[in-house]
């Protein structure tokens, strides 16, 4: 495995462009590990409706970056007390949605550092008891994939709850009262040897653990070239530094139906004319392969009836785009009382 040093860039649009470049265009002969720390920002899941996920007034007042990533899942808050890890590797056909495989070395290190109760819980969260300190997501394309997550080491937890605007149904589904009550930093739980570390120092200790070395110079590394960085900035300008990508336009729809499933939330928005779907939009925090626009385009032209939608959903590879869900479950959710 190679480590790639992001040269201490703190701009999330640059860091996520770098990850995208390494995934899509830098096919080294071994997997890649990337770390980055971002300035205060909200990183939006690929299929989410940005406006519904953020507290816009707080975001503007505090100059918080908004960046939509390539992977699915939910929105997460980043700041200088939080760092991200990214494992980039070949997609072997079995690893997508296998969060245990990629979080195992992180959990091992946290146990070593004194966080004995750190564990993978639910679909994609790392927790201490009932409190979350890491959200994880994945994205796959052209035979390669990235599995990435965050570590709340010493973040401003009040900012986490102020910046994000989670839906009431999501909070209730987890049996909690607020975002603030369900997240925690790990710094209070680490052994004394780690308590005075900065976020960067703790990140570097994790790096040495993953590579099983004692010194930074012994870490196997790929050094980014000027040509690499040139392409990274081109990707940033095309996607992650682009308002249309990060926010997009959210037209008004005649029908909106939101349902929670074990795979996550799916939000269907339809414009219906003469009983037929003329526009479709699908949002959510599910983890899918492929472009959700494929599903949206397939639904256009379908009569808005249970029979016609069931028939249409049965032509779609639902596991690819959403995860383990059936056409029957989707149709029943659309027409539930």
C-alpha atoms as a PDB file:
ATOM      1  CA  UNK A   1       0.000   0.000   0.000  1.00  0.00           C
ATOM      2  CA  UNK A   2       1.111   3.562  -0.770  1.00  0.00           C
ATOM      3  CA  UNK A   3       0.479   6.604   1.398  1.00  0.00           C
ATOM      4  CA  UNK A   4      -0.257   9.861  -0.419  1.00  0.00           C
ATOM      5  CA  UNK A   5       0.516  13.069   1.481  1.00  0.00           C
ATOM      6  CA  UNK A   6      -1.968  15.835   0.652  1.00  0.00           C
ATOM      7  CA  UNK A   7       0.637  18.442   1.648  1.00  0.00           C
ATOM      8  CA  UNK A   8      -1.566  19.852   4.404  1.00  0.00           C
ATOM      9  CA  UNK A   9      -4.252  21.266   2.118  1.00  0.00           C
ATOM     10  CA  UNK A  10      -7.270  22.280   4.211  1.00  0.00           C
ATOM     11  CA  UNK A  11      -9.678  23.225   1.417  1.00  0.00           C
ATOM     12  CA  UNK A  12     -12.275  20.416   1.189  1.00  0.00           C
ATOM     13  CA  UNK A  13     -12.847  21.019  -2.519  1.00  0.00           C
ATOM     14  CA  UNK A  14      -9.143  20.321  -3.140  1.00  0.00           C
ATOM     15  CA  UNK A  15      -8.964  17.317  -0.821  1.00  0.00           C
ATOM     16  CA  UNK A  16     -12.024  15.620  -2.279  1.00  0.00           C
ATOM     17  CA  UNK A  17     -10.779  16.372  -5.791  1.00  0.00           C
ATOM     18  CA  UNK A  18      -7.485  14.711  -4.833  1.00  0.00           C
ATOM     19  CA  UNK A  19      -9.296  11.617  -3.584  1.00  0.00           C
ATOM     20  CA  UNK A  20     -11.363  11.514  -6.787  1.00  0.00           C
ATOM     21  CA  UNK A  21      -8.223  11.832  -8.923  1.00  0.00           C
ATOM     22  CA  UNK A  22      -6.476   9.003  -7.062  1.00  0.00           C
ATOM     23  CA  UNK A  23      -9.549   6.817  -7.454  1.00  0.00           C
ATOM     24  CA  UNK A  24     -10.349   7.493 -11.084  1.00  0.00           C
ATOM     25  CA  UNK A  25      -7.028   8.303 -12.708  1.00  0.00           C
ATOM     26  CA  UNK A  26      -4.052   7.185 -10.581  1.00  0.00           C
ATOM     27  CA  UNK A  27      -4.027   3.425 -10.810  1.00  0.00           C
ATOM     28  CA  UNK A  28      -0.929   2.434  -8.836  1.00  0.00           C
ATOM     29  CA  UNK A  29       0.178  -1.174  -8.436  1.00  0.00           C
ATOM     30  CA  UNK A  30      -0.995  -1.296  -4.799  1.00  0.00           C
ATOM     31  CA  UNK A  31      -3.848   0.229  -2.775  1.00  0.00           C
ATOM     32  CA  UNK A  32      -3.603   3.859  -1.654  1.00  0.00           C
ATOM     33  CA  UNK A  33      -4.131   5.465   1.746  1.00  0.00           C
ATOM     34  CA  UNK A  34      -4.989   9.157   1.898  1.00  0.00           C
ATOM     35  CA  UNK A  35      -5.581  11.360   4.951  1.00  0.00           C
ATOM     36  CA  UNK A  36      -6.896  14.907   4.965  1.00  0.00           C
ATOM     37  CA  UNK A  37      -8.108  17.551   7.394  1.00  0.00           C
ATOM     38  CA  UNK A  38     -10.620  20.145   6.207  1.00  0.00           C
ATOM     39  CA  UNK A  39     -11.463  23.658   7.263  1.00  0.00           C
ATOM     40  CA  UNK A  40     -15.017  23.931   8.691  1.00  0.00           C
ATOM     41  CA  UNK A  41     -17.220  22.341   6.066  1.00  0.00           C
ATOM     42  CA  UNK A  42     -20.227  20.137   5.437  1.00  0.00           C
ATOM     43  CA  UNK A  43     -19.575  17.224   3.109  1.00  0.00           C
ATOM     44  CA  UNK A  44     -22.818  16.172   1.426  1.00  0.00           C
ATOM     45  CA  UNK A  45     -23.597  12.636   0.262  1.00  0.00           C
ATOM     46  CA  UNK A  46     -23.773  12.128  -3.506  1.00  0.00           C
ATOM     47  CA  UNK A  47     -27.537  11.625  -3.639  1.00  0.00           C
ATOM     48  CA  UNK A  48     -28.647  14.107  -0.978  1.00  0.00           C
ATOM     49  CA  UNK A  49     -30.605  17.332  -1.364  1.00  0.00           C
ATOM     50  CA  UNK A  50     -28.112  19.876  -0.014  1.00  0.00           C
ATOM     51  CA  UNK A  51     -30.661  22.480   1.089  1.00  0.00           C
ATOM     52  CA  UNK A  52     -32.478  19.917   3.235  1.00  0.00           C
ATOM     53  CA  UNK A  53     -29.290  18.850   5.021  1.00  0.00           C
ATOM     54  CA  UNK A  54     -27.763  22.154   6.139  1.00  0.00           C
ATOM     55  CA  UNK A  55     -28.597  25.121   8.333  1.00  0.00           C
ATOM     56  CA  UNK A  56     -28.083  27.707   5.611  1.00  0.00           C
ATOM     57  CA  UNK A  57     -28.058  30.749   7.901  1.00  0.00           C
ATOM     58  CA  UNK A  58     -25.432  29.209  10.184  1.00  0.00           C
ATOM     59  CA  UNK A  59     -23.367  28.077   7.207  1.00  0.00           C
ATOM     60  CA  UNK A  60     -23.283  31.556   5.694  1.00  0.00           C
ATOM     61  CA  UNK A  61     -22.628  33.311   9.002  1.00  0.00           C
ATOM     62  CA  UNK A  62     -19.670  31.049   9.786  1.00  0.00           C
ATOM     63  CA  UNK A  63     -18.221  30.767   6.251  1.00  0.00           C
ATOM     64  CA  UNK A  64     -18.572  26.993   6.182  1.00  0.00           C
ATOM     65  CA  UNK A  65     -17.636  25.231   2.942  1.00  0.00           C
ATOM     66  CA  UNK A  66     -20.285  23.051   1.273  1.00  0.00           C
ATOM     67  CA  UNK A  67     -18.921  20.224  -0.891  1.00  0.00           C
ATOM     68  CA  UNK A  68     -20.770  17.263  -2.378  1.00  0.00           C
ATOM     69  CA  UNK A  69     -18.634  14.117  -2.468  1.00  0.00           C
ATOM     70  CA  UNK A  70     -18.810  11.252  -4.954  1.00  0.00           C
ATOM     71  CA  UNK A  71     -19.993   8.633  -2.452  1.00  0.00           C
ATOM     72  CA  UNK A  72     -23.458   8.071  -1.032  1.00  0.00           C
ATOM     73  CA  UNK A  73     -24.429   8.213   2.617  1.00  0.00           C
ATOM     74  CA  UNK A  74     -25.266  11.189   4.794  1.00  0.00           C
ATOM     75  CA  UNK A  75     -23.939  14.687   5.380  1.00  0.00           C
ATOM     76  CA  UNK A  76     -21.023  15.086   7.819  1.00  0.00           C
ATOM     77  CA  UNK A  77     -19.404  18.100   9.456  1.00  0.00           C
ATOM     78  CA  UNK A  78     -15.632  18.579   9.217  1.00  0.00           C
ATOM     79  CA  UNK A  79     -13.321  20.983  11.012  1.00  0.00           C
ATOM     80  CA  UNK A  80      -9.697  21.119  12.134  1.00  0.00           C
ATOM     81  CA  UNK A  81     -10.403  18.699  14.982  1.00  0.00           C
ATOM     82  CA  UNK A  82     -11.607  16.032  12.573  1.00  0.00           C
ATOM     83  CA  UNK A  83      -9.590  14.022  10.045  1.00  0.00           C
ATOM     84  CA  UNK A  84     -10.606  11.768   7.186  1.00  0.00           C
ATOM     85  CA  UNK A  85      -9.072   8.481   6.072  1.00  0.00           C
ATOM     86  CA  UNK A  86      -9.515   7.040   2.573  1.00  0.00           C
ATOM     87  CA  UNK A  87      -8.604   3.550   1.378  1.00  0.00           C
ATOM     88  CA  UNK A  88      -8.501   3.382  -2.422  1.00  0.00           C
ATOM     89  CA  UNK A  89      -8.233  -0.048  -4.006  1.00  0.00           C
ATOM     90  CA  UNK A  90      -9.427  -2.380  -6.715  1.00  0.00           C
ATOM     91  CA  UNK A  91     -13.104  -3.315  -6.507  1.00  0.00           C
ATOM     92  CA  UNK A  92     -13.018  -7.085  -6.055  1.00  0.00           C
ATOM     93  CA  UNK A  93     -16.795  -7.374  -6.322  1.00  0.00           C
ATOM     94  CA  UNK A  94     -17.216  -8.334  -2.662  1.00  0.00           C
ATOM     95  CA  UNK A  95     -15.982  -5.335  -0.686  1.00  0.00           C
ATOM     96  CA  UNK A  96     -18.545  -2.656  -1.544  1.00  0.00           C
ATOM     97  CA  UNK A  97     -20.700  -2.017   1.556  1.00  0.00           C
ATOM     98  CA  UNK A  98     -18.298  -4.168   3.647  1.00  0.00           C
ATOM     99  CA  UNK A  99     -17.424  -1.407   6.098  1.00  0.00           C
ATOM    100  CA  UNK A 100     -15.902  -3.836   8.605  1.00  0.00           C
ATOM    101  CA  UNK A 101     -13.087  -4.675   6.199  1.00  0.00           C
ATOM    102  CA  UNK A 102     -11.866  -1.092   5.915  1.00  0.00           C
ATOM    103  CA  UNK A 103     -12.560   0.177   9.424  1.00  0.00           C
ATOM    104  CA  UNK A 104     -10.840  -2.775  11.131  1.00  0.00           C
ATOM    105  CA  UNK A 105      -7.319  -1.227  11.162  1.00  0.00           C
ATOM    106  CA  UNK A 106      -8.759   2.036  12.501  1.00  0.00           C
ATOM    107  CA  UNK A 107     -10.595   0.251  15.305  1.00  0.00           C
ATOM    108  CA  UNK A 108      -7.476  -1.773  16.115  1.00  0.00           C
ATOM    109  CA  UNK A 109      -5.497   1.427  16.551  1.00  0.00           C
ATOM    110  CA  UNK A 110      -8.185   3.042  18.677  1.00  0.00           C
ATOM    111  CA  UNK A 111      -8.197   0.027  21.000  1.00  0.00           C
ATOM    112  CA  UNK A 112      -4.426   0.348  21.250  1.00  0.00           C
ATOM    113  CA  UNK A 113      -4.834   4.051  22.047  1.00  0.00           C
ATOM    114  CA  UNK A 114      -7.202   3.284  24.905  1.00  0.00           C
ATOM    115  CA  UNK A 115     -10.594   3.629  23.222  1.00  0.00           C
ATOM    116  CA  UNK A 116     -11.580   0.100  24.197  1.00  0.00           C
ATOM    117  CA  UNK A 117     -15.269   0.432  23.340  1.00  0.00           C
ATOM    118  CA  UNK A 118     -14.731   1.700  19.788  1.00  0.00           C
ATOM    119  CA  UNK A 119     -16.753  -0.477  17.414  1.00  0.00           C
ATOM    120  CA  UNK A 120     -18.542  -0.572  14.070  1.00  0.00           C
ATOM    121  CA  UNK A 121     -22.252  -0.237  14.725  1.00  0.00           C
ATOM    122  CA  UNK A 122     -25.239  -0.300  12.418  1.00  0.00           C
ATOM    123  CA  UNK A 123     -24.720   0.305   8.743  1.00  0.00           C
ATOM    124  CA  UNK A 124     -21.628   2.482   8.656  1.00  0.00           C
ATOM    125  CA  UNK A 125     -20.920   4.224  11.978  1.00  0.00           C
ATOM    126  CA  UNK A 126     -18.021   3.878  14.390  1.00  0.00           C
ATOM    127  CA  UNK A 127     -19.206   4.422  17.934  1.00  0.00           C
ATOM    128  CA  UNK A 128     -18.317   4.455  21.598  1.00  0.00           C
ATOM    129  CA  UNK A 129     -21.406   3.031  23.251  1.00  0.00           C
ATOM    130  CA  UNK A 130     -24.333   4.867  21.687  1.00  0.00           C
ATOM    131  CA  UNK A 131     -22.272   7.865  20.597  1.00  0.00           C
ATOM    132  CA  UNK A 132     -20.927   8.193  17.081  1.00  0.00           C
ATOM    133  CA  UNK A 133     -17.432   9.484  16.304  1.00  0.00           C
ATOM    134  CA  UNK A 134     -17.061   8.347  12.696  1.00  0.00           C
ATOM    135  CA  UNK A 135     -19.271   8.116   9.634  1.00  0.00           C
ATOM    136  CA  UNK A 136     -18.160   5.996   6.686  1.00  0.00           C
ATOM    137  CA  UNK A 137     -19.073   5.828   3.009  1.00  0.00           C
ATOM    138  CA  UNK A 138     -17.982   4.154  -0.223  1.00  0.00           C
ATOM    139  CA  UNK A 139     -17.892   4.874  -3.913  1.00  0.00           C
ATOM    140  CA  UNK A 140     -16.978   2.547  -6.792  1.00  0.00           C
ATOM    141  CA  UNK A 141     -16.299   3.273 -10.453  1.00  0.00           C
ATOM    142  CA  UNK A 142     -14.571   1.504 -13.348  1.00  0.00           C
ATOM    143  CA  UNK A 143     -13.363  -1.418 -11.251  1.00  0.00           C
ATOM    144  CA  UNK A 144     -11.951   0.691  -8.399  1.00  0.00           C
ATOM    145  CA  UNK A 145     -13.391   1.881  -5.121  1.00  0.00           C
ATOM    146  CA  UNK A 146     -12.774   4.203  -2.204  1.00  0.00           C
ATOM    147  CA  UNK A 147     -13.828   3.481   1.379  1.00  0.00           C
ATOM    148  CA  UNK A 148     -13.553   6.596   3.488  1.00  0.00           C
ATOM    149  CA  UNK A 149     -14.503   7.796   6.932  1.00  0.00           C
ATOM    150  CA  UNK A 150     -14.055  10.566   9.455  1.00  0.00           C
ATOM    151  CA  UNK A 151     -12.616  10.620  12.965  1.00  0.00           C
ATOM    152  CA  UNK A 152     -13.974  13.184  15.422  1.00  0.00           C
ATOM    153  CA  UNK A 153     -10.856  13.674  17.529  1.00  0.00           C
ATOM    154  CA  UNK A 154     -11.275  17.167  18.976  1.00  0.00           C
ATOM    155  CA  UNK A 155     -14.033  18.807  16.936  1.00  0.00           C
ATOM    156  CA  UNK A 156     -16.404  21.600  17.908  1.00  0.00           C
ATOM    157  CA  UNK A 157     -19.455  19.464  18.673  1.00  0.00           C
ATOM    158  CA  UNK A 158     -21.716  22.488  19.074  1.00  0.00           C
ATOM    159  CA  UNK A 159     -20.880  23.427  15.485  1.00  0.00           C
ATOM    160  CA  UNK A 160     -21.744  19.895  14.377  1.00  0.00           C
ATOM    161  CA  UNK A 161     -25.279  20.243  15.707  1.00  0.00           C
ATOM    162  CA  UNK A 162     -25.671  23.853  14.541  1.00  0.00           C
ATOM    163  CA  UNK A 163     -24.434  23.346  10.986  1.00  0.00           C
ATOM    164  CA  UNK A 164     -26.389  20.204  10.139  1.00  0.00           C
ATOM    165  CA  UNK A 165     -30.154  20.073   9.802  1.00  0.00           C
ATOM    166  CA  UNK A 166     -31.098  16.382  10.072  1.00  0.00           C
ATOM    167  CA  UNK A 167     -34.644  15.332   9.411  1.00  0.00           C
ATOM    168  CA  UNK A 168     -36.806  14.605  12.425  1.00  0.00           C
ATOM    169  CA  UNK A 169     -37.572  11.071  11.222  1.00  0.00           C
ATOM    170  CA  UNK A 170     -33.853  10.209  11.137  1.00  0.00           C
ATOM    171  CA  UNK A 171     -33.308  11.406  14.688  1.00  0.00           C
ATOM    172  CA  UNK A 172     -36.340   9.515  15.972  1.00  0.00           C
ATOM    173  CA  UNK A 173     -35.317   6.341  14.182  1.00  0.00           C
ATOM    174  CA  UNK A 174     -32.130   6.281  16.242  1.00  0.00           C
ATOM    175  CA  UNK A 175     -33.967   6.852  19.513  1.00  0.00           C
ATOM    176  CA  UNK A 176     -32.133  10.083  20.352  1.00  0.00           C
ATOM    177  CA  UNK A 177     -33.022  13.707  20.966  1.00  0.00           C
ATOM    178  CA  UNK A 178     -30.490  15.616  18.900  1.00  0.00           C
ATOM    179  CA  UNK A 179     -27.348  15.430  16.797  1.00  0.00           C
ATOM    180  CA  UNK A 180     -25.330  16.835  19.706  1.00  0.00           C
ATOM    181  CA  UNK A 181     -26.422  14.008  21.988  1.00  0.00           C
ATOM    182  CA  UNK A 182     -25.339  11.241  19.629  1.00  0.00           C
ATOM    183  CA  UNK A 183     -21.843  12.382  18.626  1.00  0.00           C
ATOM    184  CA  UNK A 184     -18.625  12.426  20.599  1.00  0.00           C
ATOM    185  CA  UNK A 185     -14.957  13.196  20.220  1.00  0.00           C
ATOM    186  CA  UNK A 186     -12.553  10.368  20.982  1.00  0.00           C
ATOM    187  CA  UNK A 187      -9.968  12.544  22.711  1.00  0.00           C
ATOM    188  CA  UNK A 188     -11.612  12.181  26.161  1.00  0.00           C
ATOM    189  CA  UNK A 189     -11.341   8.388  25.852  1.00  0.00           C
ATOM    190  CA  UNK A 190      -7.712   7.940  24.769  1.00  0.00           C
ATOM    191  CA  UNK A 191      -4.863   6.958  27.105  1.00  0.00           C
ATOM    192  CA  UNK A 192      -2.690   9.657  28.677  1.00  0.00           C
ATOM    193  CA  UNK A 193       0.038   9.173  26.064  1.00  0.00           C
ATOM    194  CA  UNK A 194      -2.374  10.477  23.401  1.00  0.00           C
ATOM    195  CA  UNK A 195      -4.323  13.143  25.297  1.00  0.00           C
ATOM    196  CA  UNK A 196      -1.951  16.020  24.534  1.00  0.00           C
ATOM    197  CA  UNK A 197      -1.691  15.168  20.853  1.00  0.00           C
ATOM    198  CA  UNK A 198      -2.976  17.493  18.160  1.00  0.00           C
ATOM    199  CA  UNK A 199      -5.319  16.141  15.511  1.00  0.00           C
ATOM    200  CA  UNK A 200      -2.363  15.929  13.117  1.00  0.00           C
ATOM    201  CA  UNK A 201      -0.229  14.013  15.629  1.00  0.00           C
ATOM    202  CA  UNK A 202      -2.996  11.524  16.323  1.00  0.00           C
ATOM    203  CA  UNK A 203      -3.556  11.066  12.584  1.00  0.00           C
ATOM    204  CA  UNK A 204       0.165  10.410  12.107  1.00  0.00           C
ATOM    205  CA  UNK A 205       0.129   7.827  14.912  1.00  0.00           C
ATOM    206  CA  UNK A 206      -2.662   6.014  13.053  1.00  0.00           C
ATOM    207  CA  UNK A 207      -0.571   6.185   9.870  1.00  0.00           C
ATOM    208  CA  UNK A 208       2.378   4.447  11.554  1.00  0.00           C
ATOM    209  CA  UNK A 209       0.052   1.787  12.968  1.00  0.00           C
ATOM    210  CA  UNK A 210      -1.473   0.994   9.570  1.00  0.00           C
ATOM    211  CA  UNK A 211       1.950   0.661   7.936  1.00  0.00           C
ATOM    212  CA  UNK A 212       3.390  -1.185  10.969  1.00  0.00           C
ATOM    213  CA  UNK A 213       6.436   1.075  11.206  1.00  0.00           C
ATOM    214  CA  UNK A 214       7.906   3.289  13.930  1.00  0.00           C
ATOM    215  CA  UNK A 215       9.109   6.215  11.824  1.00  0.00           C
ATOM    216  CA  UNK A 216       7.405   8.411   9.249  1.00  0.00           C
ATOM    217  CA  UNK A 217      10.268   8.006   6.757  1.00  0.00           C
ATOM    218  CA  UNK A 218       9.611   4.250   6.675  1.00  0.00           C
ATOM    219  CA  UNK A 219       6.074   4.701   5.329  1.00  0.00           C
ATOM    220  CA  UNK A 220       5.819   3.623   1.685  1.00  0.00           C
ATOM    221  CA  UNK A 221       4.724   6.703  -0.225  1.00  0.00           C
ATOM    222  CA  UNK A 222       3.713   7.918  -3.656  1.00  0.00           C
ATOM    223  CA  UNK A 223       4.798  11.552  -4.103  1.00  0.00           C
ATOM    224  CA  UNK A 224       2.404  13.712  -6.097  1.00  0.00           C
ATOM    225  CA  UNK A 225       3.912  15.482  -9.097  1.00  0.00           C
ATOM    226  CA  UNK A 226       3.114  18.903 -10.542  1.00  0.00           C
ATOM    227  CA  UNK A 227       1.122  17.146 -13.266  1.00  0.00           C
ATOM    228  CA  UNK A 228      -0.866  15.283 -10.624  1.00  0.00           C
ATOM    229  CA  UNK A 229      -1.755  18.525  -8.846  1.00  0.00           C
ATOM    230  CA  UNK A 230      -2.662  20.213 -12.123  1.00  0.00           C
ATOM    231  CA  UNK A 231      -5.230  17.500 -12.798  1.00  0.00           C
ATOM    232  CA  UNK A 232      -6.512  17.658  -9.209  1.00  0.00           C
ATOM    233  CA  UNK A 233      -7.288  21.354  -9.614  1.00  0.00           C
ATOM    234  CA  UNK A 234      -9.010  20.716 -12.924  1.00  0.00           C
ATOM    235  CA  UNK A 235     -11.280  18.177 -11.210  1.00  0.00           C
ATOM    236  CA  UNK A 236     -11.872  20.615  -8.351  1.00  0.00           C
ATOM    237  CA  UNK A 237     -12.964  23.324 -10.770  1.00  0.00           C
ATOM    238  CA  UNK A 238     -15.257  20.964 -12.676  1.00  0.00           C
ATOM    239  CA  UNK A 239     -16.968  19.453  -9.647  1.00  0.00           C
ATOM    240  CA  UNK A 240     -16.189  20.284  -6.038  1.00  0.00           C
ATOM    241  CA  UNK A 241     -15.579  23.997  -6.472  1.00  0.00           C
ATOM    242  CA  UNK A 242     -18.723  24.317  -8.588  1.00  0.00           C
ATOM    243  CA  UNK A 243     -22.021  25.579  -7.094  1.00  0.00           C
ATOM    244  CA  UNK A 244     -24.131  23.504  -9.471  1.00  0.00           C
ATOM    245  CA  UNK A 245     -22.401  20.330  -8.322  1.00  0.00           C
ATOM    246  CA  UNK A 246     -22.479  21.139  -4.607  1.00  0.00           C
ATOM    247  CA  UNK A 247     -26.010  22.521  -4.436  1.00  0.00           C
ATOM    248  CA  UNK A 248     -27.705  21.818  -7.734  1.00  0.00           C
ATOM    249  CA  UNK A 249     -31.156  23.017  -8.587  1.00  0.00           C
ATOM    250  CA  UNK A 250     -34.086  21.632  -6.624  1.00  0.00           C
ATOM    251  CA  UNK A 251     -37.263  22.255  -8.638  1.00  0.00           C
ATOM    252  CA  UNK A 252     -40.656  21.975  -6.973  1.00  0.00           C
ATOM    253  CA  UNK A 253     -42.351  18.616  -7.403  1.00  0.00           C
ATOM    254  CA  UNK A 254     -45.995  17.685  -7.125  1.00  0.00           C
ATOM    255  CA  UNK A 255     -45.389  14.541  -5.064  1.00  0.00           C
ATOM    256  CA  UNK A 256     -42.722  13.952  -2.457  1.00  0.00           C
ATOM    257  CA  UNK A 257     -42.515  10.674  -0.563  1.00  0.00           C
ATOM    258  CA  UNK A 258     -39.759   9.938   1.932  1.00  0.00           C
ATOM    259  CA  UNK A 259     -39.289   6.531   3.541  1.00  0.00           C
ATOM    260  CA  UNK A 260     -36.657   4.958   5.759  1.00  0.00           C
ATOM    261  CA  UNK A 261     -35.384   1.448   5.029  1.00  0.00           C
ATOM    262  CA  UNK A 262     -32.560  -0.643   6.536  1.00  0.00           C
ATOM    263  CA  UNK A 263     -30.412   0.546   3.610  1.00  0.00           C
ATOM    264  CA  UNK A 264     -31.093   4.210   4.456  1.00  0.00           C
ATOM    265  CA  UNK A 265     -33.550   6.941   3.514  1.00  0.00           C
ATOM    266  CA  UNK A 266     -34.996   7.231   0.011  1.00  0.00           C
ATOM    267  CA  UNK A 267     -36.814  10.405  -1.017  1.00  0.00           C
ATOM    268  CA  UNK A 268     -38.842  10.263  -4.237  1.00  0.00           C
ATOM    269  CA  UNK A 269     -39.981  13.493  -5.902  1.00  0.00           C
ATOM    270  CA  UNK A 270     -42.298  13.298  -8.897  1.00  0.00           C
ATOM    271  CA  UNK A 271     -44.039  15.667 -11.283  1.00  0.00           C
ATOM    272  CA  UNK A 272     -47.139  13.951 -12.603  1.00  0.00           C
ATOM    273  CA  UNK A 273     -49.101  15.017 -15.678  1.00  0.00           C
ATOM    274  CA  UNK A 274     -52.091  13.089 -17.010  1.00  0.00           C
ATOM    275  CA  UNK A 275     -51.248  10.284 -14.580  1.00  0.00           C
ATOM    276  CA  UNK A 276     -47.701   9.878 -15.921  1.00  0.00           C
ATOM    277  CA  UNK A 277     -44.320  10.734 -14.380  1.00  0.00           C
ATOM    278  CA  UNK A 278     -42.796  13.574 -16.412  1.00  0.00           C
ATOM    279  CA  UNK A 279     -39.998  14.452 -13.970  1.00  0.00           C
ATOM    280  CA  UNK A 280     -38.362  12.334 -11.258  1.00  0.00           C
ATOM    281  CA  UNK A 281     -35.740  13.032  -8.634  1.00  0.00           C
ATOM    282  CA  UNK A 282     -34.336  10.569  -6.104  1.00  0.00           C
ATOM    283  CA  UNK A 283     -32.453  11.693  -3.000  1.00  0.00           C
ATOM    284  CA  UNK A 284     -31.239   9.780   0.042  1.00  0.00           C
ATOM    285  CA  UNK A 285     -28.360   8.552   2.170  1.00  0.00           C
ATOM    286  CA  UNK A 286     -28.252   5.035   0.687  1.00  0.00           C
ATOM    287  CA  UNK A 287     -25.020   3.581  -0.720  1.00  0.00           C
ATOM    288  CA  UNK A 288     -25.408   2.800  -4.386  1.00  0.00           C
ATOM    289  CA  UNK A 289     -23.259   1.986  -7.357  1.00  0.00           C
ATOM    290  CA  UNK A 290     -23.826   3.790 -10.614  1.00  0.00           C
ATOM    291  CA  UNK A 291     -25.551   7.112 -11.242  1.00  0.00           C
ATOM    292  CA  UNK A 292     -28.946   7.611  -9.593  1.00  0.00           C
ATOM    293  CA  UNK A 293     -29.861   9.697 -12.651  1.00  0.00           C
ATOM    294  CA  UNK A 294     -30.181   6.350 -14.475  1.00  0.00           C
ATOM    295  CA  UNK A 295     -33.072   5.456 -12.172  1.00  0.00           C
ATOM    296  CA  UNK A 296     -34.643   8.898 -12.531  1.00  0.00           C
ATOM    297  CA  UNK A 297     -34.548   8.707 -16.318  1.00  0.00           C
ATOM    298  CA  UNK A 298     -36.010   5.182 -16.303  1.00  0.00           C
ATOM    299  CA  UNK A 299     -38.995   6.298 -14.210  1.00  0.00           C
ATOM    300  CA  UNK A 300     -39.910   9.161 -16.550  1.00  0.00           C
ATOM    301  CA  UNK A 301     -42.806   8.125 -18.778  1.00  0.00           C
ATOM    302  CA  UNK A 302     -44.145   5.559 -16.295  1.00  0.00           C
ATOM    303  CA  UNK A 303     -47.808   5.687 -15.280  1.00  0.00           C
ATOM    304  CA  UNK A 304     -48.157   6.467 -11.595  1.00  0.00           C
ATOM    305  CA  UNK A 305     -49.826   3.212 -10.597  1.00  0.00           C
ATOM    306  CA  UNK A 306     -48.640   0.391  -8.378  1.00  0.00           C
ATOM    307  CA  UNK A 307     -48.650  -2.096 -11.228  1.00  0.00           C
ATOM    308  CA  UNK A 308     -46.740   0.109 -13.659  1.00  0.00           C
ATOM    309  CA  UNK A 309     -44.167   1.237 -11.078  1.00  0.00           C
ATOM    310  CA  UNK A 310     -43.626  -2.327  -9.878  1.00  0.00           C
ATOM    311  CA  UNK A 311     -43.031  -3.432 -13.461  1.00  0.00           C
ATOM    312  CA  UNK A 312     -40.623  -0.547 -14.008  1.00  0.00           C
ATOM    313  CA  UNK A 313     -38.693  -1.156 -10.772  1.00  0.00           C
ATOM    314  CA  UNK A 314     -38.324  -4.824 -11.705  1.00  0.00           C
ATOM    315  CA  UNK A 315     -36.359  -3.756 -14.795  1.00  0.00           C
ATOM    316  CA  UNK A 316     -33.843  -1.852 -12.624  1.00  0.00           C
ATOM    317  CA  UNK A 317     -30.923  -3.460 -10.789  1.00  0.00           C
ATOM    318  CA  UNK A 318     -32.102  -2.132  -7.419  1.00  0.00           C
ATOM    319  CA  UNK A 319     -29.236  -3.692  -5.460  1.00  0.00           C
ATOM    320  CA  UNK A 320     -26.765  -1.792  -7.613  1.00  0.00           C
ATOM    321  CA  UNK A 321     -28.380   1.598  -7.133  1.00  0.00           C
ATOM    322  CA  UNK A 322     -29.828   1.302  -3.611  1.00  0.00           C
ATOM    323  CA  UNK A 323     -28.695  -1.867  -1.838  1.00  0.00           C
ATOM    324  CA  UNK A 324     -30.777  -4.788  -0.557  1.00  0.00           C
ATOM    325  CA  UNK A 325     -34.315  -3.690  -1.400  1.00  0.00           C
ATOM    326  CA  UNK A 326     -37.044  -5.136  -3.627  1.00  0.00           C
ATOM    327  CA  UNK A 327     -39.412  -3.621  -6.159  1.00  0.00           C
ATOM    328  CA  UNK A 328     -42.309  -4.669  -3.918  1.00  0.00           C
ATOM    329  CA  UNK A 329     -40.881  -2.769  -0.937  1.00  0.00           C
ATOM    330  CA  UNK A 330     -40.391   0.377  -2.983  1.00  0.00           C
ATOM    331  CA  UNK A 331     -43.871   0.286  -4.494  1.00  0.00           C
ATOM    332  CA  UNK A 332     -45.517  -0.433  -1.152  1.00  0.00           C
ATOM    333  CA  UNK A 333     -43.695   2.540   0.356  1.00  0.00           C
ATOM    334  CA  UNK A 334     -44.874   4.849  -2.411  1.00  0.00           C
ATOM    335  CA  UNK A 335     -48.506   3.917  -1.926  1.00  0.00           C
ATOM    336  CA  UNK A 336     -48.555   3.437   1.848  1.00  0.00           C
ATOM    337  CA  UNK A 337     -51.233   5.316   3.778  1.00  0.00           C
END
